[in-house]
Amino acid sequence: MPSRFLTLADVTEVLNISAPQAYALVRSGDLPAIQIGGRLQWRIESDELEKYIQRMYEETRARNSSDATSSADAG
């Protein structure tokens, strides 16, 4: 059974980003996470990571669509 929760290290590997970048995503609330245990370690639900990835795809598509429209208007 796949793990429900991921560590920040797991997130850095999946997204191919640095540890400070993953921490910033969590701290800003862009990537929902919880803190657990005595050391309050961050854990991210795998479903939340997938939602974040899909949201980034949608934002990228919208930005690219907007850029294409702007370029067509300028030309």
PDB file of N, CA and C in Angstrom:
ATOM      1  N   MET A   1       0.843  -1.183   0.000  1.00  0.00           N
ATOM      2  CA  MET A   1       0.000   0.000   0.000  1.00  0.00           C
ATOM      3  C   MET A   1       0.891   1.249   0.000  1.00  0.00           C
ATOM      4  N   PRO A   2       0.653   2.169  -0.927  1.00  0.00           N
ATOM      5  CA  PRO A   2       1.469   3.389  -0.960  1.00  0.00           C
ATOM      6  C   PRO A   2       1.248   4.226   0.297  1.00  0.00           C
ATOM      7  N   SER A   3       2.272   4.947   0.679  1.00  0.00           N
ATOM      8  CA  SER A   3       2.197   5.782   1.868  1.00  0.00           C
ATOM      9  C   SER A   3       1.269   6.972   1.625  1.00  0.00           C
ATOM     10  N   ARG A   4       0.441   7.272   2.603  1.00  0.00           N
ATOM     11  CA  ARG A   4      -0.470   8.411   2.496  1.00  0.00           C
ATOM     12  C   ARG A   4       0.280   9.724   2.604  1.00  0.00           C
ATOM     13  N   PHE A   5       1.318   9.742   3.452  1.00  0.00           N
ATOM     14  CA  PHE A   5       2.046  10.980   3.702  1.00  0.00           C
ATOM     15  C   PHE A   5       3.458  10.925   3.146  1.00  0.00           C
ATOM     16  N   LEU A   6       3.922  12.082   2.698  1.00  0.00           N
ATOM     17  CA  LEU A   6       5.274  12.235   2.171  1.00  0.00           C
ATOM     18  C   LEU A   6       6.059  13.187   3.060  1.00  0.00           C
ATOM     19  N   THR A   7       7.346  13.025   3.089  1.00  0.00           N
ATOM     20  CA  THR A   7       8.220  13.953   3.803  1.00  0.00           C
ATOM     21  C   THR A   7       8.602  15.084   2.848  1.00  0.00           C
ATOM     22  N   LEU A   8       9.218  16.122   3.387  1.00  0.00           N
ATOM     23  CA  LEU A   8       9.721  17.192   2.526  1.00  0.00           C
ATOM     24  C   LEU A   8      10.770  16.648   1.560  1.00  0.00           C
ATOM     25  N   ALA A   9      11.560  15.681   2.021  1.00  0.00           N
ATOM     26  CA  ALA A   9      12.562  15.070   1.142  1.00  0.00           C
ATOM     27  C   ALA A   9      11.884  14.366  -0.032  1.00  0.00           C
ATOM     28  N   ASP A  10      10.762  13.713   0.222  1.00  0.00           N
ATOM     29  CA  ASP A  10      10.015  13.066  -0.856  1.00  0.00           C
ATOM     30  C   ASP A  10       9.529  14.107  -1.870  1.00  0.00           C
ATOM     31  N   VAL A  11       9.026  15.215  -1.356  1.00  0.00           N
ATOM     32  CA  VAL A  11       8.518  16.287  -2.226  1.00  0.00           C
ATOM     33  C   VAL A  11       9.645  16.854  -3.084  1.00  0.00           C
ATOM     34  N   THR A  12      10.809  17.052  -2.481  1.00  0.00           N
ATOM     35  CA  THR A  12      11.932  17.592  -3.256  1.00  0.00           C
ATOM     36  C   THR A  12      12.297  16.652  -4.392  1.00  0.00           C
ATOM     37  N   GLU A  13      12.204  15.361  -4.139  1.00  0.00           N
ATOM     38  CA  GLU A  13      12.538  14.372  -5.165  1.00  0.00           C
ATOM     39  C   GLU A  13      11.486  14.354  -6.275  1.00  0.00           C
ATOM     40  N   VAL A  14      10.216  14.359  -5.900  1.00  0.00           N
ATOM     41  CA  VAL A  14       9.141  14.304  -6.897  1.00  0.00           C
ATOM     42  C   VAL A  14       9.154  15.549  -7.779  1.00  0.00           C
ATOM     43  N   LEU A  15       9.309  16.721  -7.170  1.00  0.00           N
ATOM     44  CA  LEU A  15       9.263  17.974  -7.925  1.00  0.00           C
ATOM     45  C   LEU A  15      10.628  18.398  -8.473  1.00  0.00           C
ATOM     46  N   ASN A  16      11.685  17.681  -8.066  1.00  0.00           N
ATOM     47  CA  ASN A  16      13.048  18.013  -8.486  1.00  0.00           C
ATOM     48  C   ASN A  16      13.395  19.460  -8.118  1.00  0.00           C
ATOM     49  N   ILE A  17      13.152  19.779  -6.836  1.00  0.00           N
ATOM     50  CA  ILE A  17      13.460  21.105  -6.309  1.00  0.00           C
ATOM     51  C   ILE A  17      14.345  20.953  -5.072  1.00  0.00           C
ATOM     52  N   SER A  18      14.849  22.057  -4.586  1.00  0.00           N
ATOM     53  CA  SER A  18      15.707  22.021  -3.402  1.00  0.00           C
ATOM     54  C   SER A  18      14.861  21.934  -2.127  1.00  0.00           C
ATOM     55  N   ALA A  19      15.509  21.568  -1.043  1.00  0.00           N
ATOM     56  CA  ALA A  19      14.821  21.492   0.251  1.00  0.00           C
ATOM     57  C   ALA A  19      14.264  22.856   0.665  1.00  0.00           C
ATOM     58  N   PRO A  20      15.033  23.950   0.526  1.00  0.00           N
ATOM     59  CA  PRO A  20      14.458  25.260   0.884  1.00  0.00           C
ATOM     60  C   PRO A  20      13.238  25.632   0.032  1.00  0.00           C
ATOM     61  N   GLN A  21      13.228  25.228  -1.229  1.00  0.00           N
ATOM     62  CA  GLN A  21      12.068  25.510  -2.075  1.00  0.00           C
ATOM     63  C   GLN A  21      10.843  24.735  -1.596  1.00  0.00           C
ATOM     64  N   ALA A  22      11.015  23.480  -1.227  1.00  0.00           N
ATOM     65  CA  ALA A  22       9.905  22.671  -0.717  1.00  0.00           C
ATOM     66  C   ALA A  22       9.386  23.254   0.595  1.00  0.00           C
ATOM     67  N   TYR A  23      10.304  23.644   1.464  1.00  0.00           N
ATOM     68  CA  TYR A  23       9.928  24.239   2.746  1.00  0.00           C
ATOM     69  C   TYR A  23       9.140  25.529   2.515  1.00  0.00           C
ATOM     70  N   ALA A  24       9.562  26.331   1.543  1.00  0.00           N
ATOM     71  CA  ALA A  24       8.871  27.588   1.245  1.00  0.00           C
ATOM     72  C   ALA A  24       7.452  27.329   0.730  1.00  0.00           C
ATOM     73  N   LEU A  25       7.270  26.291  -0.084  1.00  0.00           N
ATOM     74  CA  LEU A  25       5.934  25.950  -0.573  1.00  0.00           C
ATOM     75  C   LEU A  25       4.998  25.595   0.576  1.00  0.00           C
ATOM     76  N   VAL A  26       5.523  24.862   1.541  1.00  0.00           N
ATOM     77  CA  VAL A  26       4.729  24.450   2.697  1.00  0.00           C
ATOM     78  C   VAL A  26       4.447  25.641   3.613  1.00  0.00           C
ATOM     79  N   ARG A  27       5.470  26.403   3.915  1.00  0.00           N
ATOM     80  CA  ARG A  27       5.310  27.549   4.825  1.00  0.00           C
ATOM     81  C   ARG A  27       4.365  28.606   4.260  1.00  0.00           C
ATOM     82  N   SER A  28       4.364  28.783   2.943  1.00  0.00           N
ATOM     83  CA  SER A  28       3.497  29.786   2.319  1.00  0.00           C
ATOM     84  C   SER A  28       2.048  29.311   2.226  1.00  0.00           C
ATOM     85  N   GLY A  29       1.831  28.004   2.370  1.00  0.00           N
ATOM     86  CA  GLY A  29       0.490  27.454   2.248  1.00  0.00           C
ATOM     87  C   GLY A  29       0.160  27.022   0.829  1.00  0.00           C
ATOM     88  N   ASP A  30       1.074  27.233  -0.114  1.00  0.00           N
ATOM     89  CA  ASP A  30       0.836  26.788  -1.491  1.00  0.00           C
ATOM     90  C   ASP A  30       0.685  25.273  -1.560  1.00  0.00           C
ATOM     91  N   LEU A  31       1.417  24.576  -0.714  1.00  0.00           N
ATOM     92  CA  LEU A  31       1.348  23.123  -0.635  1.00  0.00           C
ATOM     93  C   LEU A  31       0.897  22.769   0.781  1.00  0.00           C
ATOM     94  N   PRO A  32      -0.380  22.405   0.960  1.00  0.00           N
ATOM     95  CA  PRO A  32      -0.891  22.108   2.298  1.00  0.00           C
ATOM     96  C   PRO A  32      -0.122  20.960   2.961  1.00  0.00           C
ATOM     97  N   ALA A  33       0.179  21.146   4.234  1.00  0.00           N
ATOM     98  CA  ALA A  33       0.934  20.148   4.988  1.00  0.00           C
ATOM     99  C   ALA A  33       0.551  20.235   6.460  1.00  0.00           C
ATOM    100  N   ILE A  34       0.946  19.208   7.195  1.00  0.00           N
ATOM    101  CA  ILE A  34       0.737  19.191   8.636  1.00  0.00           C
ATOM    102  C   ILE A  34       2.077  18.961   9.324  1.00  0.00           C
ATOM    103  N   GLN A  35       2.139  19.343  10.587  1.00  0.00           N
ATOM    104  CA  GLN A  35       3.321  19.055  11.393  1.00  0.00           C
ATOM    105  C   GLN A  35       2.940  18.009  12.419  1.00  0.00           C
ATOM    106  N   ILE A  36       3.778  16.976  12.541  1.00  0.00           N
ATOM    107  CA  ILE A  36       3.474  15.890  13.467  1.00  0.00           C
ATOM    108  C   ILE A  36       4.696  15.548  14.305  1.00  0.00           C
ATOM    109  N   GLY A  37       4.435  14.827  15.375  1.00  0.00           N
ATOM    110  CA  GLY A  37       5.510  14.328  16.215  1.00  0.00           C
ATOM    111  C   GLY A  37       6.096  15.387  17.126  1.00  0.00           C
ATOM    112  N   GLY A  38       6.965  14.933  18.003  1.00  0.00           N
ATOM    113  CA  GLY A  38       7.604  15.814  18.966  1.00  0.00           C
ATOM    114  C   GLY A  38       8.490  16.867  18.334  1.00  0.00           C
ATOM    115  N   ARG A  39       9.021  16.560  17.167  1.00  0.00           N
ATOM    116  CA  ARG A  39       9.888  17.512  16.462  1.00  0.00           C
ATOM    117  C   ARG A  39       9.123  18.335  15.431  1.00  0.00           C
ATOM    118  N   LEU A  40       7.804  18.154  15.373  1.00  0.00           N
ATOM    119  CA  LEU A  40       6.945  18.874  14.439  1.00  0.00           C
ATOM    120  C   LEU A  40       7.460  18.800  13.003  1.00  0.00           C
ATOM    121  N   GLN A  41       7.687  17.586  12.550  1.00  0.00           N
ATOM    122  CA  GLN A  41       8.165  17.382  11.182  1.00  0.00           C
ATOM    123  C   GLN A  41       7.005  17.525  10.202  1.00  0.00           C
ATOM    124  N   TRP A  42       7.281  18.119   9.061  1.00  0.00           N
ATOM    125  CA  TRP A  42       6.271  18.349   8.049  1.00  0.00           C
ATOM    126  C   TRP A  42       5.928  17.065   7.320  1.00  0.00           C
ATOM    127  N   ARG A  43       4.633  16.869   7.045  1.00  0.00           N
ATOM    128  CA  ARG A  43       4.157  15.759   6.240  1.00  0.00           C
ATOM    129  C   ARG A  43       3.126  16.295   5.254  1.00  0.00           C
ATOM    130  N   ILE A  44       3.214  15.814   4.028  1.00  0.00           N
ATOM    131  CA  ILE A  44       2.337  16.248   2.951  1.00  0.00           C
ATOM    132  C   ILE A  44       1.576  15.032   2.442  1.00  0.00           C
ATOM    133  N   GLU A  45       0.262  15.142   2.374  1.00  0.00           N
ATOM    134  CA  GLU A  45      -0.526  14.040   1.816  1.00  0.00           C
ATOM    135  C   GLU A  45      -0.219  13.911   0.335  1.00  0.00           C
ATOM    136  N   SER A  46      -0.065  12.693  -0.132  1.00  0.00           N
ATOM    137  CA  SER A  46       0.257  12.474  -1.541  1.00  0.00           C
ATOM    138  C   SER A  46      -0.830  13.070  -2.442  1.00  0.00           C
ATOM    139  N   ASP A  47      -2.098  13.013  -2.013  1.00  0.00           N
ATOM    140  CA  ASP A  47      -3.177  13.621  -2.796  1.00  0.00           C
ATOM    141  C   ASP A  47      -3.006  15.135  -2.907  1.00  0.00           C
ATOM    142  N   GLU A  48      -2.542  15.771  -1.824  1.00  0.00           N
ATOM    143  CA  GLU A  48      -2.329  17.221  -1.851  1.00  0.00           C
ATOM    144  C   GLU A  48      -1.194  17.588  -2.809  1.00  0.00           C
ATOM    145  N   LEU A  49      -0.173  16.761  -2.858  1.00  0.00           N
ATOM    146  CA  LEU A  49       0.919  17.011  -3.797  1.00  0.00           C
ATOM    147  C   LEU A  49       0.401  16.896  -5.229  1.00  0.00           C
ATOM    148  N   GLU A  50      -0.422  15.896  -5.503  1.00  0.00           N
ATOM    149  CA  GLU A  50      -0.985  15.740  -6.847  1.00  0.00           C
ATOM    150  C   GLU A  50      -1.885  16.922  -7.209  1.00  0.00           C
ATOM    151  N   LYS A  51      -2.676  17.409  -6.246  1.00  0.00           N
ATOM    152  CA  LYS A  51      -3.515  18.592  -6.485  1.00  0.00           C
ATOM    153  C   LYS A  51      -2.645  19.808  -6.790  1.00  0.00           C
ATOM    154  N   TYR A  52      -1.556  19.955  -6.062  1.00  0.00           N
ATOM    155  CA  TYR A  52      -0.634  21.072  -6.295  1.00  0.00           C
ATOM    156  C   TYR A  52      -0.067  20.997  -7.719  1.00  0.00           C
ATOM    157  N   ILE A  53       0.363  19.807  -8.124  1.00  0.00           N
ATOM    158  CA  ILE A  53       0.926  19.625  -9.462  1.00  0.00           C
ATOM    159  C   ILE A  53      -0.111  19.981 -10.525  1.00  0.00           C
ATOM    160  N   GLN A  54      -1.334  19.512 -10.365  1.00  0.00           N
ATOM    161  CA  GLN A  54      -2.391  19.828 -11.335  1.00  0.00           C
ATOM    162  C   GLN A  54      -2.668  21.323 -11.378  1.00  0.00           C
ATOM    163  N   ARG A  55      -2.677  21.970 -10.209  1.00  0.00           N
ATOM    164  CA  ARG A  55      -2.895  23.415 -10.140  1.00  0.00           C
ATOM    165  C   ARG A  55      -1.790  24.162 -10.883  1.00  0.00           C
ATOM    166  N   MET A  56      -0.561  23.693 -10.757  1.00  0.00           N
ATOM    167  CA  MET A  56       0.550  24.337 -11.456  1.00  0.00           C
ATOM    168  C   MET A  56       0.428  24.148 -12.968  1.00  0.00           C
ATOM    169  N   TYR A  57      -0.041  22.976 -13.403  1.00  0.00           N
ATOM    170  CA  TYR A  57      -0.295  22.759 -14.834  1.00  0.00           C
ATOM    171  C   TYR A  57      -1.347  23.750 -15.335  1.00  0.00           C
ATOM    172  N   GLU A  58      -2.434  23.906 -14.580  1.00  0.00           N
ATOM    173  CA  GLU A  58      -3.508  24.815 -14.980  1.00  0.00           C
ATOM    174  C   GLU A  58      -3.013  26.255 -15.041  1.00  0.00           C
ATOM    175  N   GLU A  59      -2.243  26.675 -14.036  1.00  0.00           N
ATOM    176  CA  GLU A  59      -1.709  28.038 -14.023  1.00  0.00           C
ATOM    177  C   GLU A  59      -0.744  28.261 -15.187  1.00  0.00           C
ATOM    178  N   THR A  60       0.044  27.265 -15.498  1.00  0.00           N
ATOM    179  CA  THR A  60       0.989  27.382 -16.610  1.00  0.00           C
ATOM    180  C   THR A  60       0.235  27.491 -17.930  1.00  0.00           C
ATOM    181  N   ARG A  61      -0.796  26.663 -18.102  1.00  0.00           N
ATOM    182  CA  ARG A  61      -1.601  26.740 -19.327  1.00  0.00           C
ATOM    183  C   ARG A  61      -2.254  28.113 -19.463  1.00  0.00           C
ATOM    184  N   ALA A  62      -2.807  28.619 -18.376  1.00  0.00           N
ATOM    185  CA  ALA A  62      -3.465  29.924 -18.410  1.00  0.00           C
ATOM    186  C   ALA A  62      -2.459  31.027 -18.739  1.00  0.00           C
ATOM    187  N   ARG A  63      -1.277  30.948 -18.143  1.00  0.00           N
ATOM    188  CA  ARG A  63      -0.236  31.948 -18.395  1.00  0.00           C
ATOM    189  C   ARG A  63       0.221  31.881 -19.846  1.00  0.00           C
ATOM    190  N   ASN A  64       0.423  30.674 -20.358  1.00  0.00           N
ATOM    191  CA  ASN A  64       0.858  30.509 -21.746  1.00  0.00           C
ATOM    192  C   ASN A  64      -0.213  30.976 -22.721  1.00  0.00           C
ATOM    193  N   SER A  65      -1.459  30.712 -22.395  1.00  0.00           N
ATOM    194  CA  SER A  65      -2.568  31.161 -23.237  1.00  0.00           C
ATOM    195  C   SER A  65      -2.624  32.684 -23.252  1.00  0.00           C
ATOM    196  N   SER A  66      -2.433  33.277 -22.099  1.00  0.00           N
ATOM    197  CA  SER A  66      -2.425  34.736 -21.985  1.00  0.00           C
ATOM    198  C   SER A  66      -1.257  35.331 -22.741  1.00  0.00           C
ATOM    199  N   ASP A  67      -0.083  34.706 -22.645  1.00  0.00           N
ATOM    200  CA  ASP A  67       1.094  35.186 -23.368  1.00  0.00           C
ATOM    201  C   ASP A  67       0.885  35.100 -24.869  1.00  0.00           C
ATOM    202  N   ALA A  68       0.259  34.033 -25.345  1.00  0.00           N
ATOM    203  CA  ALA A  68       0.002  33.870 -26.768  1.00  0.00           C
ATOM    204  C   ALA A  68      -0.959  34.938 -27.276  1.00  0.00           C
ATOM    205  N   THR A  69      -1.973  35.254 -26.462  1.00  0.00           N
ATOM    206  CA  THR A  69      -2.933  36.287 -26.828  1.00  0.00           C
ATOM    207  C   THR A  69      -2.259  37.655 -26.889  1.00  0.00           C
ATOM    208  N   SER A  70      -1.407  37.931 -25.923  1.00  0.00           N
ATOM    209  CA  SER A  70      -0.673  39.205 -25.892  1.00  0.00           C
ATOM    210  C   SER A  70       0.245  39.337 -27.104  1.00  0.00           C
ATOM    211  N   SER A  71       0.895  38.259 -27.474  1.00  0.00           N
ATOM    212  CA  SER A  71       1.797  38.271 -28.624  1.00  0.00           C
ATOM    213  C   SER A  71       1.021  38.502 -29.912  1.00  0.00           C
ATOM    214  N   ALA A  72      -0.145  37.891 -30.025  1.00  0.00           N
ATOM    215  CA  ALA A  72      -0.957  38.057 -31.232  1.00  0.00           C
ATOM    216  C   ALA A  72      -1.466  39.486 -31.352  1.00  0.00           C
ATOM    217  N   ASP A  73      -1.831  40.106 -30.215  1.00  0.00           N
ATOM    218  CA  ASP A  73      -2.303  41.490 -30.214  1.00  0.00           C
ATOM    219  C   ASP A  73      -1.184  42.455 -30.590  1.00  0.00           C
ATOM    220  N   ALA A  74       0.046  42.137 -30.185  1.00  0.00           N
ATOM    221  CA  ALA A  74       1.178  43.020 -30.440  1.00  0.00           C
ATOM    222  C   ALA A  74       1.628  42.950 -31.899  1.00  0.00           C
ATOM    223  N   GLY A  75       1.358  41.812 -32.532  1.00  0.00           N
ATOM    224  CA  GLY A  75       1.884  41.608 -33.878  1.00  0.00           C
ATOM    225  C   GLY A  75       0.945  42.028 -34.908  1.00  0.00           C
TER     226      GLY A  75
END
